[in-house]
C-alpha cells in the first residue's frame, strides 16, 4: 500500500468561504477532505451536519470525503451523512453500544468503514471488528478542537495497529489526526501511516498551496529513501 494521502481537516478552514477553501486545497494537491462532525455532547464542540456536507457536494466538490462523526448516539446519523455525500464514515467505538452493528450500518449505506481510536483507548478495541474496517484513525490529540499539541504516544499505537493489520493481510488504511505538523511527517510515514489528516498547519498559513506542496515534497522524499 504505497499510496500516501493528504487529508486537510476543514475544522480549521474559514467557514464563510468553505467551498472555495476546499477547492483551493484540492487544486494544490490534497487527496481527501476530512469532515469533522461534532455534537457538543460526545465532544465539547459543535460543528457540521449533513446539510453542510450536502452543500459542499453541490459546490461542487467531487473528491473523497471522510466524515469523522464525533457524536453520540451515532447510528441515526450514518444514513444521513451517507445520503449527503460521504465517501467513508469514521466513528468512535464509545459512541455506540453495539459497535459491530454500527459498522454494518456504515457498510449497508454504501460507505467505506472507519474506526477512530482516542489517545486513552487501547488499540485492542479493533480486534473483534478488524475484518469490517477499511480505515483506522488514530487520534493524536483529544478530539474536539483544532490546534492542539501532537501526543507522541501515538507512534506506539501506530506500530501496534500496523502489526494487527499485517497479521490478517487485509487492506486497511492507517490515518492519524491531530496536531500534525511538518516535523511529524517523516516519522509518521516511517511508522506506516497512509493518510495524514492536517488542519491548522494547512489552513492557518497564509499560503496553503505552498504548505501542501511542501508536504508533497516530503512524501516524495520519503518514497525515494524507502526504495533505496
Protein backbone atom coordinates (compact mmCIF):
# COMPACT_ATOMS: atom_id res chain seq x y z
CA UNK A 1 0.00 0.00 0.00
CA UNK A 2 2.40 2.66 -1.28
CA UNK A 3 -0.08 5.49 -1.78
CA UNK A 4 0.05 8.24 0.83
CA UNK A 5 -2.84 10.69 1.06
CA UNK A 6 -3.00 14.28 2.30
CA UNK A 7 -6.31 14.92 4.03
CA UNK A 8 -6.96 18.54 5.06
CA UNK A 9 -9.29 18.83 8.05
CA UNK A 10 -11.81 21.56 7.32
CA UNK A 11 -12.34 22.13 11.05
CA UNK A 12 -9.55 24.72 10.66
CA UNK A 13 -10.90 26.26 7.45
CA UNK A 14 -12.68 29.59 7.04
CA UNK A 15 -16.35 28.56 7.27
CA UNK A 16 -17.55 31.69 5.49
CA UNK A 17 -15.82 30.57 2.28
CA UNK A 18 -15.76 26.81 2.92
CA UNK A 19 -16.40 25.65 -0.65
CA UNK A 20 -13.62 27.84 -2.01
CA UNK A 21 -11.23 26.80 0.76
CA UNK A 22 -11.81 23.12 -0.03
CA UNK A 23 -11.45 23.74 -3.75
CA UNK A 24 -8.15 25.54 -3.21
CA UNK A 25 -6.54 22.73 -1.17
CA UNK A 26 -7.68 20.14 -3.70
CA UNK A 27 -6.19 22.17 -6.56
CA UNK A 28 -2.98 22.38 -4.53
CA UNK A 29 -2.74 18.59 -4.42
CA UNK A 30 -4.74 17.39 -1.41
CA UNK A 31 -6.42 14.00 -1.85
CA UNK A 32 -9.20 13.52 0.73
CA UNK A 33 -11.31 16.02 2.66
CA UNK A 34 -11.64 15.32 6.38
CA UNK A 35 -15.06 16.41 7.64
CA UNK A 36 -15.38 16.64 11.44
CA UNK A 37 -18.97 16.34 12.65
CA UNK A 38 -19.20 17.19 16.37
CA UNK A 39 -22.29 17.32 18.58
CA UNK A 40 -21.23 19.20 21.75
CA UNK A 41 -22.13 16.02 23.64
CA UNK A 42 -19.64 13.32 22.79
CA UNK A 43 -17.04 16.08 22.36
CA UNK A 44 -17.13 19.67 23.71
CA UNK A 45 -17.64 21.38 20.36
CA UNK A 46 -20.38 21.82 17.77
CA UNK A 47 -19.57 21.82 14.05
CA UNK A 48 -21.14 20.50 10.85
CA UNK A 49 -24.16 18.39 10.00
CA UNK A 50 -25.32 16.54 6.87
CA UNK A 51 -26.75 19.72 5.32
CA UNK A 52 -23.28 21.28 5.24
CA UNK A 53 -21.87 18.15 3.60
CA UNK A 54 -24.62 18.21 1.02
CA UNK A 55 -23.88 21.86 0.19
CA UNK A 56 -20.17 21.04 -0.22
CA UNK A 57 -21.04 18.33 -2.72
CA UNK A 58 -23.23 20.78 -4.64
CA UNK A 59 -20.44 23.39 -4.79
CA UNK A 60 -19.35 21.02 -6.43
CA UNK A 61 -16.63 19.16 -4.53
CA UNK A 62 -16.09 15.74 -6.11
CA UNK A 63 -13.11 14.49 -4.08
CA UNK A 64 -13.45 11.73 -1.49
CA UNK A 65 -14.78 12.97 1.86
CA UNK A 66 -14.19 11.09 5.08
CA UNK A 67 -16.90 12.06 7.58
CA UNK A 68 -15.46 11.71 11.07
CA UNK A 69 -18.51 11.58 13.34
CA UNK A 70 -17.88 12.61 16.93
CA UNK A 71 -21.45 12.31 18.17
CA UNK A 72 -23.48 10.09 20.46
CA UNK A 73 -25.72 8.34 19.61
CA UNK A 74 -24.35 7.82 16.13
CA UNK A 75 -26.45 5.17 14.33
CA UNK A 76 -29.19 7.55 13.15
CA UNK A 77 -26.65 9.99 11.71
CA UNK A 78 -24.89 7.47 9.48
CA UNK A 79 -27.61 7.20 6.78
CA UNK A 80 -27.96 11.00 6.74
CA UNK A 81 -24.26 11.60 6.10
CA UNK A 82 -24.13 8.76 3.56
CA UNK A 83 -27.02 10.29 1.63
CA UNK A 84 -25.41 13.74 1.84
CA UNK A 85 -22.27 12.51 0.06
CA UNK A 86 -19.83 10.80 2.44
CA UNK A 87 -17.28 8.53 0.80
CA UNK A 88 -16.25 6.98 4.10
CA UNK A 89 -17.64 7.31 7.61
CA UNK A 90 -15.42 7.04 10.66
CA UNK A 91 -16.97 6.61 14.10
CA UNK A 92 -15.73 6.19 17.66
CA UNK A 93 -16.43 2.92 19.50
CA UNK A 94 -17.60 4.82 22.59
CA UNK A 95 -20.40 6.42 20.56
CA UNK A 96 -22.37 3.18 20.25
CA UNK A 97 -23.49 0.33 22.48
CA UNK A 98 -23.24 -2.17 19.63
CA UNK A 99 -20.08 -1.48 17.62
CA UNK A 100 -20.42 -4.45 15.28
CA UNK A 101 -23.93 -3.40 14.28
CA UNK A 102 -22.94 0.24 13.81
CA UNK A 103 -20.10 -0.68 11.47
CA UNK A 104 -22.55 -2.77 9.46
CA UNK A 105 -24.83 0.27 9.13
CA UNK A 106 -21.97 2.24 7.55
CA UNK A 107 -21.30 -0.54 5.05
CA UNK A 108 -25.01 -1.02 4.27
CA UNK A 109 -25.24 2.67 3.39
CA UNK A 110 -22.53 2.35 0.74
CA UNK A 111 -19.60 3.96 2.57
CA UNK A 112 -16.13 2.80 3.50
CA UNK A 113 -15.91 1.88 7.17
CA UNK A 114 -13.62 3.72 9.57
CA UNK A 115 -12.98 3.39 13.30
CA UNK A 116 -11.34 6.15 15.35
CA UNK A 117 -9.27 5.44 18.48
CA UNK A 118 -8.85 8.16 21.08
CA UNK A 119 -5.50 8.69 22.86
CA UNK A 120 -6.62 6.97 26.06
CA UNK A 121 -8.23 3.97 24.33
CA UNK A 122 -6.38 0.71 23.72
CA UNK A 123 -5.96 -0.36 20.10
CA UNK A 124 -7.21 -3.80 21.16
CA UNK A 125 -10.71 -2.41 20.62
CA UNK A 126 -10.31 -3.28 16.93
CA UNK A 127 -9.56 -6.98 17.47
CA UNK A 128 -13.12 -8.30 17.07
CA UNK A 129 -14.13 -5.96 14.23
CA UNK A 130 -10.94 -5.51 12.20
CA UNK A 131 -12.33 -7.59 9.34
CA UNK A 132 -15.05 -4.97 8.82
CA UNK A 133 -12.69 -1.97 8.65
CA UNK A 134 -11.31 -0.06 5.67
CA UNK A 135 -9.73 2.69 7.77
CA UNK A 136 -8.31 3.01 11.29
CA UNK A 137 -7.99 6.61 12.50
CA UNK A 138 -5.62 7.19 15.39
CA UNK A 139 -6.33 10.40 17.27
CA UNK A 140 -3.08 12.15 18.14
CA UNK A 141 -4.99 14.73 20.21
CA UNK A 142 -8.11 14.53 22.34
CA UNK A 143 -11.00 15.17 19.93
CA UNK A 144 -12.95 18.39 19.95
CA UNK A 145 -10.74 21.30 18.93
CA UNK A 146 -8.07 22.17 16.34
CA UNK A 147 -4.54 23.44 17.01
CA UNK A 148 -3.71 21.01 19.81
CA UNK A 149 -0.29 19.51 20.56
CA UNK A 150 0.55 16.15 18.96
CA UNK A 151 0.61 13.29 21.50
CA UNK A 152 3.86 11.37 20.99
CA UNK A 153 2.48 8.08 22.33
CA UNK A 154 0.58 7.88 19.04
CA UNK A 155 3.66 6.37 17.40
CA UNK A 156 3.49 3.34 19.69
CA UNK A 157 -0.16 2.86 18.81
CA UNK A 158 0.55 3.11 15.07
CA UNK A 159 3.07 0.29 15.42
CA UNK A 160 0.54 -1.85 17.30
CA UNK A 161 -2.19 -1.24 14.72
CA UNK A 162 0.17 -1.95 11.82
CA UNK A 163 1.09 -5.27 13.43
CA UNK A 164 -2.58 -6.24 13.74
CA UNK A 165 -3.28 -5.33 10.10
CA UNK A 166 -0.27 -7.31 8.86
CA UNK A 167 -1.40 -10.36 10.80
CA UNK A 168 -4.64 -10.61 8.80
CA UNK A 169 -3.25 -9.41 5.45
CA UNK A 170 -6.20 -7.08 4.81
CA UNK A 171 -6.06 -3.74 3.04
CA UNK A 172 -6.76 -1.23 5.80
CA UNK A 173 -5.53 2.35 5.75
CA UNK A 174 -3.99 3.93 8.84
CA UNK A 175 -4.82 7.59 9.37
CA UNK A 176 -3.54 10.00 12.03
CA UNK A 177 -5.47 13.08 13.07
CA UNK A 178 -4.50 15.93 15.38
CA UNK A 179 -1.63 18.35 15.79
CA UNK A 180 0.26 17.03 12.74
CA UNK A 181 2.96 19.45 11.62
CA UNK A 182 5.81 19.22 9.14
CA UNK A 183 8.21 17.73 11.71
CA UNK A 184 5.88 14.75 12.23
CA UNK A 185 5.52 13.73 8.58
CA UNK A 186 8.63 11.60 8.08
CA UNK A 187 8.25 9.76 11.43
CA UNK A 188 4.57 9.08 10.68
CA UNK A 189 5.31 7.72 7.23
CA UNK A 190 8.10 5.51 8.59
CA UNK A 191 5.62 4.16 11.15
CA UNK A 192 3.26 3.06 8.38
CA UNK A 193 0.68 5.85 8.17
CA UNK A 194 -1.17 6.14 4.85
CA UNK A 195 -3.38 9.18 5.47
CA UNK A 196 -2.13 12.42 7.00
CA UNK A 197 -5.02 14.44 8.43
CA UNK A 198 -3.74 18.00 8.72
CA UNK A 199 -5.83 21.01 9.69
CA UNK A 200 -4.26 24.03 11.36
CA UNK A 201 -0.87 23.59 9.70
CA UNK A 202 -2.54 23.93 6.29
CA UNK A 203 -5.42 26.36 6.83
CA UNK A 204 -3.78 28.68 9.36
CA UNK A 205 -0.97 29.52 6.97
CA UNK A 206 -1.34 32.43 4.56
CA UNK A 207 -0.40 30.28 1.58
CA UNK A 208 -1.96 26.83 1.99
CA UNK A 209 -0.88 25.92 -1.55
CA UNK A 210 2.81 26.23 -0.66
CA UNK A 211 2.28 24.21 2.54
CA UNK A 212 0.67 21.33 0.63
CA UNK A 213 3.46 21.45 -1.93
CA UNK A 214 5.98 21.26 0.91
CA UNK A 215 4.16 18.24 2.39
CA UNK A 216 4.01 16.52 -1.00
CA UNK A 217 7.74 17.02 -1.48
CA UNK A 218 8.36 15.47 1.92
CA UNK A 219 6.24 12.46 0.93
CA UNK A 220 8.20 12.20 -2.32
CA UNK A 221 11.48 12.32 -0.41
CA UNK A 222 10.24 9.56 1.89
CA UNK A 223 9.35 7.33 -1.05
CA UNK A 224 12.74 7.87 -2.67
CA UNK A 225 14.54 6.99 0.57
CA UNK A 226 12.34 3.94 1.11
CA UNK A 227 13.14 2.49 -2.31
CA UNK A 228 16.88 2.56 -1.68
